[in-house]
Amino acid sequence: QPRVAVDAMGGDHGPAVVVEGAVLASRELGVAVSLVGPERTLREELGRLGATSAVEVVDAPDVVGMGEKVSLSALKRRSSIQVALERVRDGQADAFFSGGNTAACWTIAD
C-alpha cells in the first residue's frame, strides 16, 4: 500500500480541501495518508467530515504561507512541509504531496 505524507496546510484554501481530498484518496485509492500540520486543526477538519480514523495525523505546528519568502520558510523546522518531507527521508512515507509554496518545498527538500 503506497504511503503518502501530505502537507495539509498547503494550497489556497487551507486544510479543508486538502483534508477532504486526502480522506477520499485513502478510501477510494487505498493510499495510506499521513496528514501533516497542526494536530488540532487537522482533527477538527476530520471531525467535520466524520472521518476521524480514515488517515494518520502527524503534528507539525508551523505553517509556511503561500507568499512567504523561502529564506524564512526554511527556518521553520516544524513546518508541515518540513515534517512531511522528513517522513519520506526517514522511510515512513513513499511520497510527498503539497499544494502549497512550491519554492519552499524545493528549498526544504534540498
Protein backbone atom coordinates (compact mmCIF):
# COMPACT_ATOMS: atom_id res chain seq x y z
CA GLN A 1 0.00 0.00 0.00
CA PRO A 2 1.55 3.34 -1.02
CA ARG A 3 2.19 5.76 1.85
CA VAL A 4 1.87 9.48 1.16
CA ALA A 5 2.86 12.32 3.50
CA VAL A 6 0.58 15.28 2.76
CA ASP A 7 1.29 18.89 3.68
CA ALA A 8 -2.25 19.50 4.90
CA MET A 9 -1.71 23.24 5.24
CA GLY A 10 -0.69 23.89 1.64
CA GLY A 11 -2.87 25.43 -1.01
CA ASP A 12 -5.08 28.45 -1.43
CA HIS A 13 -8.00 27.03 0.55
CA GLY A 14 -6.13 25.76 3.58
CA PRO A 15 -6.65 22.41 5.19
CA ALA A 16 -10.37 21.93 4.46
CA VAL A 17 -9.87 20.99 0.81
CA VAL A 18 -6.62 19.10 1.39
CA VAL A 19 -8.03 17.01 4.23
CA GLU A 20 -11.14 16.14 2.25
CA GLY A 21 -9.03 15.09 -0.75
CA ALA A 22 -6.72 13.01 1.42
CA VAL A 23 -9.64 11.17 3.01
CA LEU A 24 -11.11 10.44 -0.42
CA ALA A 25 -7.75 9.20 -1.75
CA SER A 26 -7.36 6.97 1.26
CA ARG A 27 -10.80 5.45 0.85
CA GLU A 28 -11.06 5.24 -2.94
CA LEU A 29 -7.47 4.52 -3.94
CA GLY A 30 -6.27 2.53 -0.95
CA VAL A 31 -3.49 5.01 -0.22
CA ALA A 32 -2.17 5.29 3.33
CA VAL A 33 -2.18 9.01 4.06
CA SER A 34 -0.33 10.91 6.77
CA LEU A 35 -1.82 14.38 7.10
CA VAL A 36 0.86 16.72 8.40
CA GLY A 37 0.01 20.02 10.10
CA PRO A 38 -1.24 21.43 13.40
CA GLU A 39 -2.88 18.43 15.03
CA ARG A 40 -5.87 20.28 16.49
CA THR A 41 -6.73 21.87 13.13
CA LEU A 42 -6.49 18.56 11.30
CA ARG A 43 -8.57 16.68 13.86
CA GLU A 44 -11.26 19.37 13.63
CA GLU A 45 -11.37 19.00 9.84
CA LEU A 46 -11.51 15.20 10.09
CA GLY A 47 -14.32 15.50 12.64
CA ARG A 48 -16.24 17.82 10.31
CA LEU A 49 -16.00 15.13 7.64
CA GLY A 50 -16.86 12.30 10.04
CA ALA A 51 -13.56 10.66 9.13
CA THR A 52 -11.64 10.68 12.40
CA SER A 53 -9.91 7.35 11.75
CA ALA A 54 -9.52 7.48 7.95
CA VAL A 55 -5.96 8.83 7.96
CA GLU A 56 -2.99 9.30 10.27
CA VAL A 57 -2.41 12.76 11.75
CA VAL A 58 1.16 13.95 12.29
CA ASP A 59 1.58 17.12 14.32
CA ALA A 60 3.57 19.96 12.77
CA PRO A 61 2.73 23.26 14.48
CA ASP A 62 4.35 25.63 11.97
CA VAL A 63 2.89 26.65 8.61
CA VAL A 64 4.60 28.07 5.51
CA GLY A 65 2.43 30.68 3.82
CA MET A 66 1.84 30.72 0.08
CA GLY A 67 3.62 34.04 -0.35
CA GLU A 68 6.24 33.52 2.32
CA LYS A 69 9.87 34.13 1.44
CA VAL A 70 11.81 30.92 1.01
CA SER A 71 14.57 32.12 3.34
CA LEU A 72 12.04 32.41 6.17
CA SER A 73 10.26 29.14 5.40
CA ALA A 74 13.49 27.15 5.65
CA LEU A 75 13.89 28.34 9.24
CA LYS A 76 10.61 26.74 10.32
CA ARG A 77 11.91 23.37 11.47
CA ARG A 78 8.47 22.06 12.49
CA SER A 79 6.52 23.24 9.44
CA SER A 80 4.09 20.89 7.76
CA ILE A 81 6.35 20.84 4.67
CA GLN A 82 9.48 20.06 6.69
CA VAL A 83 7.87 17.29 8.76
CA ALA A 84 6.19 15.68 5.73
CA LEU A 85 9.46 15.63 3.80
CA GLU A 86 11.24 14.14 6.81
CA ARG A 87 8.76 11.26 6.75
CA VAL A 88 9.86 10.42 3.20
CA ARG A 89 13.53 10.81 4.11
CA ASP A 90 13.12 8.52 7.12
CA GLY A 91 11.22 5.82 5.21
CA GLN A 92 7.87 6.48 6.89
CA ALA A 93 6.30 7.56 3.59
CA ASP A 94 6.89 6.71 -0.06
CA ALA A 95 5.82 10.05 -1.47
CA PHE A 96 5.18 13.68 -0.55
CA PHE A 97 2.38 15.99 -1.70
CA SER A 98 1.86 19.69 -1.17
CA GLY A 99 -0.37 22.19 -2.91
CA GLY A 100 1.47 24.93 -1.06
CA ASN A 101 4.52 27.10 -1.56
CA THR A 102 6.45 25.31 -4.32
CA ALA A 103 9.65 27.27 -3.80
CA ALA A 104 9.61 26.39 -0.11
CA CYS A 105 9.05 22.70 -0.92
CA TRP A 106 12.04 22.66 -3.28
CA THR A 107 14.27 24.51 -0.84
CA ILE A 108 13.35 22.42 2.17
CA ALA A 109 13.66 19.17 0.19
CA ASP A 110 17.17 20.05 -0.89
